[in-house]
Amino acid sequence: MRKKRGWRRAAALALSAVLLAGTALALYDTGVTPEYGTQLLTLSTCGVATVTTNSRFAVLAVKIN
């Protein structure tokens, strides 16, 4: 059982790091902050790939009740 809790904690920390990085780059502030366990939908564009850049635009949707 202890191993399972460790895995969940690691997953929660990884998600927190991704969300923190994503909110730092956000173009819009919707006031909604997802938490671990929230259902998310991510849409990503095919970016412009050149020698100097490989950019993408991502939209993160949060399911709210």
N, C-alpha and C. Protein backbone atom coordinates (compact mmCIF):
# COMPACT_ATOMS: atom_id res chain seq x y z
N MET A 1 0.83 -1.19 0.00
CA MET A 1 0.00 0.00 0.00
C MET A 1 0.87 1.26 0.00
N ARG A 2 1.97 1.23 0.70
CA ARG A 2 2.84 2.40 0.79
C ARG A 2 3.39 2.79 -0.58
N LYS A 3 3.75 1.79 -1.38
CA LYS A 3 4.29 2.05 -2.70
C LYS A 3 3.27 2.78 -3.58
N LYS A 4 2.01 2.40 -3.44
CA LYS A 4 0.95 3.02 -4.23
C LYS A 4 0.81 4.50 -3.89
N ARG A 5 0.87 4.85 -2.62
CA ARG A 5 0.78 6.25 -2.21
C ARG A 5 1.96 7.04 -2.75
N GLY A 6 3.12 6.45 -2.77
CA GLY A 6 4.30 7.13 -3.31
C GLY A 6 4.14 7.44 -4.79
N TRP A 7 3.55 6.51 -5.52
CA TRP A 7 3.32 6.72 -6.95
C TRP A 7 2.33 7.86 -7.17
N ARG A 8 1.26 7.88 -6.38
CA ARG A 8 0.26 8.94 -6.51
C ARG A 8 0.85 10.30 -6.17
N ARG A 9 1.68 10.35 -5.16
CA ARG A 9 2.32 11.62 -4.78
C ARG A 9 3.24 12.09 -5.90
N ALA A 10 3.99 11.18 -6.48
CA ALA A 10 4.88 11.54 -7.60
C ALA A 10 4.07 12.05 -8.79
N ALA A 11 2.94 11.40 -9.07
CA ALA A 11 2.08 11.84 -10.18
C ALA A 11 1.51 13.22 -9.90
N ALA A 12 1.09 13.46 -8.67
CA ALA A 12 0.53 14.76 -8.30
C ALA A 12 1.58 15.85 -8.41
N LEU A 13 2.81 15.56 -8.00
CA LEU A 13 3.89 16.54 -8.09
C LEU A 13 4.26 16.83 -9.55
N ALA A 14 4.27 15.78 -10.38
CA ALA A 14 4.57 15.97 -11.80
C ALA A 14 3.50 16.82 -12.46
N LEU A 15 2.25 16.55 -12.15
CA LEU A 15 1.15 17.33 -12.72
C LEU A 15 1.25 18.78 -12.25
N SER A 16 1.55 18.99 -11.00
CA SER A 16 1.70 20.35 -10.48
C SER A 16 2.78 21.11 -11.23
N ALA A 17 3.89 20.45 -11.52
CA ALA A 17 4.99 21.10 -12.25
C ALA A 17 4.56 21.48 -13.66
N VAL A 18 3.84 20.59 -14.33
CA VAL A 18 3.36 20.85 -15.69
C VAL A 18 2.36 22.01 -15.68
N LEU A 19 1.44 22.00 -14.73
CA LEU A 19 0.43 23.06 -14.66
C LEU A 19 1.06 24.40 -14.31
N LEU A 20 2.04 24.40 -13.44
CA LEU A 20 2.73 25.64 -13.09
C LEU A 20 3.43 26.23 -14.31
N ALA A 21 4.11 25.37 -15.07
CA ALA A 21 4.78 25.83 -16.29
C ALA A 21 3.76 26.32 -17.31
N GLY A 22 2.64 25.61 -17.44
CA GLY A 22 1.61 26.00 -18.39
C GLY A 22 0.95 27.31 -18.03
N THR A 23 0.66 27.53 -16.76
CA THR A 23 0.02 28.78 -16.37
C THR A 23 0.98 29.96 -16.50
N ALA A 24 2.27 29.71 -16.37
CA ALA A 24 3.24 30.78 -16.55
C ALA A 24 3.27 31.26 -18.01
N LEU A 25 2.97 30.37 -18.94
CA LEU A 25 2.99 30.70 -20.37
C LEU A 25 1.61 31.04 -20.92
N ALA A 26 0.58 31.01 -20.08
CA ALA A 26 -0.80 31.20 -20.53
C ALA A 26 -1.02 32.58 -21.13
N LEU A 27 -1.81 32.62 -22.20
CA LEU A 27 -2.19 33.89 -22.80
C LEU A 27 -3.41 34.49 -22.11
N TYR A 28 -4.23 33.64 -21.48
CA TYR A 28 -5.46 34.08 -20.81
C TYR A 28 -5.51 33.53 -19.39
N ASP A 29 -6.05 34.32 -18.49
CA ASP A 29 -6.28 33.86 -17.12
C ASP A 29 -7.77 33.69 -16.93
N THR A 30 -8.22 32.46 -16.85
CA THR A 30 -9.65 32.18 -16.71
C THR A 30 -10.09 32.11 -15.25
N GLY A 31 -9.13 32.09 -14.36
CA GLY A 31 -9.45 31.98 -12.94
C GLY A 31 -9.69 30.55 -12.48
N VAL A 32 -9.55 29.59 -13.37
CA VAL A 32 -9.74 28.18 -13.03
C VAL A 32 -8.37 27.54 -12.88
N THR A 33 -8.13 26.91 -11.73
CA THR A 33 -6.87 26.23 -11.49
C THR A 33 -7.14 24.74 -11.30
N PRO A 34 -6.69 23.91 -12.24
CA PRO A 34 -6.93 22.46 -12.09
C PRO A 34 -6.10 21.88 -10.96
N GLU A 35 -6.63 20.84 -10.35
CA GLU A 35 -5.95 20.13 -9.29
C GLU A 35 -5.81 18.67 -9.68
N TYR A 36 -5.00 17.94 -8.96
CA TYR A 36 -4.81 16.52 -9.22
C TYR A 36 -6.15 15.81 -9.12
N GLY A 37 -6.50 15.02 -10.11
CA GLY A 37 -7.76 14.30 -10.13
C GLY A 37 -8.80 14.96 -11.03
N THR A 38 -8.57 16.21 -11.44
CA THR A 38 -9.49 16.91 -12.33
C THR A 38 -9.32 16.37 -13.74
N GLN A 39 -10.43 16.21 -14.46
CA GLN A 39 -10.34 15.75 -15.85
C GLN A 39 -9.90 16.91 -16.73
N LEU A 40 -8.89 16.64 -17.57
CA LEU A 40 -8.33 17.65 -18.46
C LEU A 40 -8.38 17.16 -19.90
N LEU A 41 -8.49 18.11 -20.81
CA LEU A 41 -8.42 17.83 -22.24
C LEU A 41 -7.38 18.77 -22.83
N THR A 42 -6.40 18.22 -23.53
CA THR A 42 -5.36 19.04 -24.13
C THR A 42 -5.44 18.94 -25.64
N LEU A 43 -5.48 20.08 -26.29
CA LEU A 43 -5.45 20.15 -27.74
C LEU A 43 -4.14 20.83 -28.12
N SER A 44 -3.44 20.26 -29.07
CA SER A 44 -2.15 20.81 -29.49
C SER A 44 -2.11 20.93 -31.01
N THR A 45 -1.62 22.06 -31.48
CA THR A 45 -1.52 22.27 -32.92
C THR A 45 -0.23 21.67 -33.46
N CYS A 46 -0.19 21.48 -34.74
CA CYS A 46 1.06 21.16 -35.41
C CYS A 46 1.77 22.49 -35.60
N GLY A 47 2.88 22.63 -34.97
CA GLY A 47 3.58 23.92 -34.98
C GLY A 47 4.40 24.14 -36.22
N VAL A 48 4.98 25.31 -36.26
CA VAL A 48 5.88 25.68 -37.34
C VAL A 48 7.24 25.08 -37.02
N ALA A 49 7.71 24.20 -37.86
CA ALA A 49 9.01 23.56 -37.63
C ALA A 49 10.02 24.14 -38.61
N THR A 50 10.98 24.87 -38.07
CA THR A 50 12.07 25.41 -38.89
C THR A 50 13.38 25.00 -38.23
N VAL A 51 14.45 25.47 -38.76
CA VAL A 51 15.76 25.13 -38.20
C VAL A 51 15.90 25.69 -36.79
N THR A 52 15.34 26.87 -36.55
CA THR A 52 15.53 27.53 -35.25
C THR A 52 14.37 27.35 -34.27
N THR A 53 13.20 26.95 -34.74
CA THR A 53 12.06 26.81 -33.84
C THR A 53 11.29 25.52 -34.10
N ASN A 54 10.59 25.10 -33.11
CA ASN A 54 9.64 23.99 -33.21
C ASN A 54 8.50 24.34 -32.27
N SER A 55 7.64 25.24 -32.71
CA SER A 55 6.62 25.78 -31.82
C SER A 55 5.28 25.06 -31.98
N ARG A 56 4.51 25.07 -30.92
CA ARG A 56 3.16 24.53 -30.90
C ARG A 56 2.28 25.45 -30.07
N PHE A 57 0.99 25.39 -30.33
CA PHE A 57 0.02 26.12 -29.53
C PHE A 57 -0.84 25.08 -28.86
N ALA A 58 -0.99 25.17 -27.55
CA ALA A 58 -1.77 24.19 -26.81
C ALA A 58 -2.92 24.86 -26.08
N VAL A 59 -4.05 24.17 -26.04
CA VAL A 59 -5.22 24.62 -25.29
C VAL A 59 -5.51 23.55 -24.25
N LEU A 60 -5.63 23.95 -23.01
CA LEU A 60 -5.91 23.03 -21.93
C LEU A 60 -7.31 23.34 -21.40
N ALA A 61 -8.20 22.36 -21.48
CA ALA A 61 -9.57 22.51 -21.00
C ALA A 61 -9.74 21.74 -19.70
N VAL A 62 -10.45 22.34 -18.75
CA VAL A 62 -10.70 21.73 -17.46
C VAL A 62 -12.19 21.44 -17.34
N LYS A 63 -12.53 20.20 -17.00
CA LYS A 63 -13.93 19.84 -16.82
C LYS A 63 -14.41 20.39 -15.48
N ILE A 64 -15.45 21.22 -15.54
CA ILE A 64 -16.01 21.75 -14.31
C ILE A 64 -17.45 21.26 -14.17
N ASN A 65 -17.88 21.09 -12.97
CA ASN A 65 -19.23 20.60 -12.70
C ASN A 65 -20.15 21.72 -12.29
